[in-house]
């Protein structure tokens, strides 16, 4: 036989695993997107422009 307080604690602990709230005042440690993380004059933006300009079909890649 399980003691009533122990049984209550087990039930509450099982239920509380699935009920989680979000703190609305908490700030993010990391930026939400890479666009915000990378400066406008960063060199990686040049690489991004180059990759976007390459036509993958010319190299026989199939894009779905």
PDB file of N, CA and C in Angstrom:
ATOM      1  N   UNK A   1       0.841  -1.184   0.000  1.00  0.00           N
ATOM      2  CA  UNK A   1       0.000   0.000   0.000  1.00  0.00           C
ATOM      3  C   UNK A   1       0.882   1.243   0.000  1.00  0.00           C
ATOM      4  N   UNK A   2       0.560   2.191  -0.871  1.00  0.00           N
ATOM      5  CA  UNK A   2       1.312   3.445  -0.953  1.00  0.00           C
ATOM      6  C   UNK A   2       0.651   4.451  -0.012  1.00  0.00           C
ATOM      7  N   UNK A   3       1.479   5.130   0.734  1.00  0.00           N
ATOM      8  CA  UNK A   3       0.960   6.148   1.639  1.00  0.00           C
ATOM      9  C   UNK A   3       0.271   7.252   0.838  1.00  0.00           C
ATOM     10  N   UNK A   4      -0.786   7.872   1.383  1.00  0.00           N
ATOM     11  CA  UNK A   4      -1.541   8.888   0.633  1.00  0.00           C
ATOM     12  C   UNK A   4      -0.670  10.065   0.191  1.00  0.00           C
ATOM     13  N   UNK A   5       0.225  10.546   1.059  1.00  0.00           N
ATOM     14  CA  UNK A   5       1.056  11.698   0.670  1.00  0.00           C
ATOM     15  C   UNK A   5       2.028  11.315  -0.437  1.00  0.00           C
ATOM     16  N   UNK A   6       2.576  10.121  -0.370  1.00  0.00           N
ATOM     17  CA  UNK A   6       3.499   9.658  -1.399  1.00  0.00           C
ATOM     18  C   UNK A   6       2.773   9.463  -2.723  1.00  0.00           C
ATOM     19  N   UNK A   7       1.578   8.916  -2.664  1.00  0.00           N
ATOM     20  CA  UNK A   7       0.795   8.726  -3.873  1.00  0.00           C
ATOM     21  C   UNK A   7       0.458  10.068  -4.504  1.00  0.00           C
ATOM     22  N   UNK A   8       0.076  11.049  -3.686  1.00  0.00           N
ATOM     23  CA  UNK A   8      -0.219  12.396  -4.177  1.00  0.00           C
ATOM     24  C   UNK A   8       1.022  13.004  -4.827  1.00  0.00           C
ATOM     25  N   UNK A   9       2.181  12.853  -4.179  1.00  0.00           N
ATOM     26  CA  UNK A   9       3.415  13.415  -4.712  1.00  0.00           C
ATOM     27  C   UNK A   9       3.778  12.770  -6.053  1.00  0.00           C
ATOM     28  N   UNK A  10       3.584  11.466  -6.168  1.00  0.00           N
ATOM     29  CA  UNK A  10       3.874  10.784  -7.426  1.00  0.00           C
ATOM     30  C   UNK A  10       2.956  11.261  -8.544  1.00  0.00           C
ATOM     31  N   UNK A  11       1.684  11.416  -8.246  1.00  0.00           N
ATOM     32  CA  UNK A  11       0.746  11.894  -9.255  1.00  0.00           C
ATOM     33  C   UNK A  11       1.068  13.319  -9.690  1.00  0.00           C
ATOM     34  N   UNK A  12       1.372  14.169  -8.733  1.00  0.00           N
ATOM     35  CA  UNK A  12       1.695  15.560  -9.062  1.00  0.00           C
ATOM     36  C   UNK A  12       2.974  15.630  -9.874  1.00  0.00           C
ATOM     37  N   UNK A  13       3.979  14.835  -9.514  1.00  0.00           N
ATOM     38  CA  UNK A  13       5.235  14.877 -10.257  1.00  0.00           C
ATOM     39  C   UNK A  13       5.052  14.369 -11.687  1.00  0.00           C
ATOM     40  N   UNK A  14       4.179  13.390 -11.901  1.00  0.00           N
ATOM     41  CA  UNK A  14       3.918  12.912 -13.254  1.00  0.00           C
ATOM     42  C   UNK A  14       3.188  13.954 -14.088  1.00  0.00           C
ATOM     43  N   UNK A  15       2.248  14.633 -13.483  1.00  0.00           N
ATOM     44  CA  UNK A  15       1.480  15.649 -14.196  1.00  0.00           C
ATOM     45  C   UNK A  15       2.343  16.868 -14.491  1.00  0.00           C
ATOM     46  N   UNK A  16       3.162  17.281 -13.564  1.00  0.00           N
ATOM     47  CA  UNK A  16       3.953  18.499 -13.717  1.00  0.00           C
ATOM     48  C   UNK A  16       5.050  18.356 -14.774  1.00  0.00           C
ATOM     49  N   UNK A  17       5.388  17.162 -15.174  1.00  0.00           N
ATOM     50  CA  UNK A  17       6.377  17.001 -16.232  1.00  0.00           C
ATOM     51  C   UNK A  17       5.868  17.556 -17.553  1.00  0.00           C
ATOM     52  N   UNK A  18       4.563  17.569 -17.736  1.00  0.00           N
ATOM     53  CA  UNK A  18       4.001  17.996 -19.001  1.00  0.00           C
ATOM     54  C   UNK A  18       3.454  19.408 -18.973  1.00  0.00           C
ATOM     55  N   UNK A  19       3.376  20.018 -17.823  1.00  0.00           N
ATOM     56  CA  UNK A  19       2.865  21.384 -17.714  1.00  0.00           C
ATOM     57  C   UNK A  19       4.052  22.299 -17.471  1.00  0.00           C
ATOM     58  N   UNK A  20       4.439  23.018 -18.508  1.00  0.00           N
ATOM     59  CA  UNK A  20       5.553  23.948 -18.388  1.00  0.00           C
ATOM     60  C   UNK A  20       5.132  25.274 -18.983  1.00  0.00           C
ATOM     61  N   UNK A  21       5.350  26.326 -18.259  1.00  0.00           N
ATOM     62  CA  UNK A  21       5.052  27.649 -18.754  1.00  0.00           C
ATOM     63  C   UNK A  21       6.320  28.360 -19.189  1.00  0.00           C
ATOM     64  N   UNK A  22       6.156  29.435 -19.940  1.00  0.00           N
ATOM     65  CA  UNK A  22       7.285  30.238 -20.376  1.00  0.00           C
ATOM     66  C   UNK A  22       7.285  31.550 -19.613  1.00  0.00           C
ATOM     67  N   UNK A  23       8.473  31.964 -19.231  1.00  0.00           N
ATOM     68  CA  UNK A  23       8.626  33.236 -18.556  1.00  0.00           C
ATOM     69  C   UNK A  23       8.684  34.326 -19.620  1.00  0.00           C
ATOM     70  N   UNK A  24       7.719  35.218 -19.613  1.00  0.00           N
ATOM     71  CA  UNK A  24       7.656  36.249 -20.654  1.00  0.00           C
ATOM     72  C   UNK A  24       8.680  37.349 -20.458  1.00  0.00           C
ATOM     73  N   UNK A  25       9.257  37.451 -19.288  1.00  0.00           N
ATOM     74  CA  UNK A  25      10.248  38.495 -19.048  1.00  0.00           C
ATOM     75  C   UNK A  25      11.667  38.003 -19.267  1.00  0.00           C
ATOM     76  N   UNK A  26      11.824  36.733 -19.600  1.00  0.00           N
ATOM     77  CA  UNK A  26      13.154  36.171 -19.810  1.00  0.00           C
ATOM     78  C   UNK A  26      13.706  36.611 -21.162  1.00  0.00           C
ATOM     79  N   UNK A  27      14.976  37.020 -21.172  1.00  0.00           N
ATOM     80  CA  UNK A  27      15.604  37.412 -22.418  1.00  0.00           C
ATOM     81  C   UNK A  27      16.295  36.204 -23.037  1.00  0.00           C
ATOM     82  N   UNK A  28      16.536  36.280 -24.336  1.00  0.00           N
ATOM     83  CA  UNK A  28      17.207  35.192 -25.030  1.00  0.00           C
ATOM     84  C   UNK A  28      18.710  35.327 -24.864  1.00  0.00           C
ATOM     85  N   UNK A  29      19.372  34.222 -24.643  1.00  0.00           N
ATOM     86  CA  UNK A  29      20.817  34.229 -24.540  1.00  0.00           C
ATOM     87  C   UNK A  29      21.438  34.410 -25.913  1.00  0.00           C
ATOM     88  N   UNK A  30      20.839  33.799 -26.929  1.00  0.00           N
ATOM     89  CA  UNK A  30      21.326  33.902 -28.293  1.00  0.00           C
ATOM     90  C   UNK A  30      20.292  34.631 -29.133  1.00  0.00           C
ATOM     91  N   UNK A  31      20.724  35.260 -30.224  1.00  0.00           N
ATOM     92  CA  UNK A  31      19.757  35.931 -31.103  1.00  0.00           C
ATOM     93  C   UNK A  31      18.743  34.932 -31.666  1.00  0.00           C
ATOM     94  N   UNK A  32      17.601  35.443 -32.010  1.00  0.00           N
ATOM     95  CA  UNK A  32      16.534  34.592 -32.511  1.00  0.00           C
ATOM     96  C   UNK A  32      16.885  34.066 -33.905  1.00  0.00           C
ATOM     97  N   UNK A  33      17.532  34.858 -34.733  1.00  0.00           N
ATOM     98  CA  UNK A  33      17.887  34.414 -36.079  1.00  0.00           C
ATOM     99  C   UNK A  33      19.315  34.833 -36.409  1.00  0.00           C
ATOM    100  N   UNK A  34      19.873  34.206 -37.434  1.00  0.00           N
ATOM    101  CA  UNK A  34      21.226  34.556 -37.853  1.00  0.00           C
ATOM    102  C   UNK A  34      21.284  35.945 -38.472  1.00  0.00           C
ATOM    103  N   UNK A  35      20.197  36.400 -39.065  1.00  0.00           N
ATOM    104  CA  UNK A  35      20.165  37.746 -39.639  1.00  0.00           C
ATOM    105  C   UNK A  35      20.475  38.802 -38.583  1.00  0.00           C
ATOM    106  N   UNK A  36      19.988  38.591 -37.398  1.00  0.00           N
ATOM    107  CA  UNK A  36      20.253  39.545 -36.317  1.00  0.00           C
ATOM    108  C   UNK A  36      21.647  39.372 -35.732  1.00  0.00           C
ATOM    109  N   UNK A  37      22.207  38.189 -35.852  1.00  0.00           N
ATOM    110  CA  UNK A  37      23.507  37.907 -35.258  1.00  0.00           C
ATOM    111  C   UNK A  37      24.666  38.389 -36.118  1.00  0.00           C
ATOM    112  N   UNK A  38      24.470  38.464 -37.434  1.00  0.00           N
ATOM    113  CA  UNK A  38      25.550  38.814 -38.355  1.00  0.00           C
ATOM    114  C   UNK A  38      25.429  40.282 -38.739  1.00  0.00           C
ATOM    115  N   UNK A  39      26.530  41.005 -38.611  1.00  0.00           N
ATOM    116  CA  UNK A  39      26.544  42.427 -38.978  1.00  0.00           C
ATOM    117  C   UNK A  39      26.339  42.587 -40.479  1.00  0.00           C
ATOM    118  N   UNK A  40      25.866  43.778 -40.865  1.00  0.00           N
ATOM    119  CA  UNK A  40      25.610  44.055 -42.273  1.00  0.00           C
ATOM    120  C   UNK A  40      26.890  44.043 -43.102  1.00  0.00           C
ATOM    121  N   UNK A  41      28.024  44.397 -42.520  1.00  0.00           N
ATOM    122  CA  UNK A  41      29.279  44.463 -43.278  1.00  0.00           C
ATOM    123  C   UNK A  41      30.172  43.246 -43.045  1.00  0.00           C
ATOM    124  N   UNK A  42      29.610  42.143 -42.572  1.00  0.00           N
ATOM    125  CA  UNK A  42      30.379  40.931 -42.336  1.00  0.00           C
ATOM    126  C   UNK A  42      30.673  40.218 -43.652  1.00  0.00           C
ATOM    127  N   UNK A  43      31.853  39.591 -43.734  1.00  0.00           N
ATOM    128  CA  UNK A  43      32.283  38.915 -44.964  1.00  0.00           C
ATOM    129  C   UNK A  43      31.396  37.732 -45.336  1.00  0.00           C
ATOM    130  N   UNK A  44      30.756  37.143 -44.371  1.00  0.00           N
ATOM    131  CA  UNK A  44      29.928  35.972 -44.658  1.00  0.00           C
ATOM    132  C   UNK A  44      28.741  36.333 -45.549  1.00  0.00           C
ATOM    133  N   UNK A  45      28.344  37.574 -45.577  1.00  0.00           N
ATOM    134  CA  UNK A  45      27.243  37.996 -46.447  1.00  0.00           C
ATOM    135  C   UNK A  45      27.656  37.929 -47.919  1.00  0.00           C
ATOM    136  N   UNK A  46      28.940  38.134 -48.217  1.00  0.00           N
ATOM    137  CA  UNK A  46      29.429  38.005 -49.587  1.00  0.00           C
ATOM    138  C   UNK A  46      29.330  36.543 -50.030  1.00  0.00           C
ATOM    139  N   UNK A  47      29.703  35.641 -49.144  1.00  0.00           N
ATOM    140  CA  UNK A  47      29.601  34.210 -49.451  1.00  0.00           C
ATOM    141  C   UNK A  47      28.147  33.831 -49.679  1.00  0.00           C
ATOM    142  N   UNK A  48      27.262  34.379 -48.866  1.00  0.00           N
ATOM    143  CA  UNK A  48      25.830  34.100 -49.022  1.00  0.00           C
ATOM    144  C   UNK A  48      25.329  34.573 -50.378  1.00  0.00           C
ATOM    145  N   UNK A  49      25.747  35.757 -50.820  1.00  0.00           N
ATOM    146  CA  UNK A  49      25.344  36.259 -52.132  1.00  0.00           C
ATOM    147  C   UNK A  49      25.886  35.379 -53.256  1.00  0.00           C
ATOM    148  N   UNK A  50      27.119  34.933 -53.102  1.00  0.00           N
ATOM    149  CA  UNK A  50      27.705  34.062 -54.127  1.00  0.00           C
ATOM    150  C   UNK A  50      26.954  32.734 -54.219  1.00  0.00           C
ATOM    151  N   UNK A  51      26.686  32.129 -53.098  1.00  0.00           N
ATOM    152  CA  UNK A  51      25.976  30.840 -53.093  1.00  0.00           C
ATOM    153  C   UNK A  51      24.587  30.993 -53.683  1.00  0.00           C
ATOM    154  N   UNK A  52      23.920  32.088 -53.383  1.00  0.00           N
ATOM    155  CA  UNK A  52      22.591  32.311 -53.955  1.00  0.00           C
ATOM    156  C   UNK A  52      22.634  32.538 -55.458  1.00  0.00           C
ATOM    157  N   UNK A  53      23.754  33.055 -55.969  1.00  0.00           N
ATOM    158  CA  UNK A  53      23.842  33.350 -57.400  1.00  0.00           C
ATOM    159  C   UNK A  53      24.191  32.122 -58.242  1.00  0.00           C
ATOM    160  N   UNK A  54      24.709  31.058 -57.625  1.00  0.00           N
ATOM    161  CA  UNK A  54      25.092  29.851 -58.361  1.00  0.00           C
ATOM    162  C   UNK A  54      23.835  29.059 -58.710  1.00  0.00           C
ATOM    163  N   UNK A  55      23.747  28.680 -59.979  1.00  0.00           N
ATOM    164  CA  UNK A  55      22.617  27.863 -60.419  1.00  0.00           C
ATOM    165  C   UNK A  55      22.985  26.395 -60.262  1.00  0.00           C
ATOM    166  N   UNK A  56      22.338  25.719 -59.359  1.00  0.00           N
ATOM    167  CA  UNK A  56      22.660  24.331 -59.088  1.00  0.00           C
ATOM    168  C   UNK A  56      22.232  23.403 -60.222  1.00  0.00           C
ATOM    169  N   UNK A  57      21.248  23.801 -61.017  1.00  0.00           N
ATOM    170  CA  UNK A  57      20.826  22.986 -62.145  1.00  0.00           C
ATOM    171  C   UNK A  57      21.936  22.859 -63.185  1.00  0.00           C
ATOM    172  N   UNK A  58      22.802  23.882 -63.282  1.00  0.00           N
ATOM    173  CA  UNK A  58      23.920  23.820 -64.228  1.00  0.00           C
ATOM    174  C   UNK A  58      24.907  22.715 -63.856  1.00  0.00           C
ATOM    175  N   UNK A  59      24.939  22.333 -62.618  1.00  0.00           N
ATOM    176  CA  UNK A  59      25.835  21.270 -62.148  1.00  0.00           C
ATOM    177  C   UNK A  59      25.107  19.950 -61.936  1.00  0.00           C
ATOM    178  N   UNK A  60      23.947  19.833 -62.556  1.00  0.00           N
ATOM    179  CA  UNK A  60      23.105  18.624 -62.558  1.00  0.00           C
ATOM    180  C   UNK A  60      22.582  18.223 -61.181  1.00  0.00           C
ATOM    181  N   UNK A  61      22.372  19.206 -60.318  1.00  0.00           N
ATOM    182  CA  UNK A  61      21.698  18.939 -59.050  1.00  0.00           C
ATOM    183  C   UNK A  61      20.192  19.002 -59.292  1.00  0.00           C
ATOM    184  N   UNK A  62      19.485  18.129 -58.666  1.00  0.00           N
ATOM    185  CA  UNK A  62      18.027  18.136 -58.767  1.00  0.00           C
ATOM    186  C   UNK A  62      17.446  18.775 -57.513  1.00  0.00           C
ATOM    187  N   UNK A  63      16.649  19.781 -57.704  1.00  0.00           N
ATOM    188  CA  UNK A  63      16.026  20.508 -56.588  1.00  0.00           C
ATOM    189  C   UNK A  63      14.563  20.142 -56.550  1.00  0.00           C
ATOM    190  N   UNK A  64      14.143  19.669 -55.397  1.00  0.00           N
ATOM    191  CA  UNK A  64      12.731  19.274 -55.234  1.00  0.00           C
ATOM    192  C   UNK A  64      11.935  20.407 -54.654  1.00  0.00           C
TER     193      UNK A  64
END
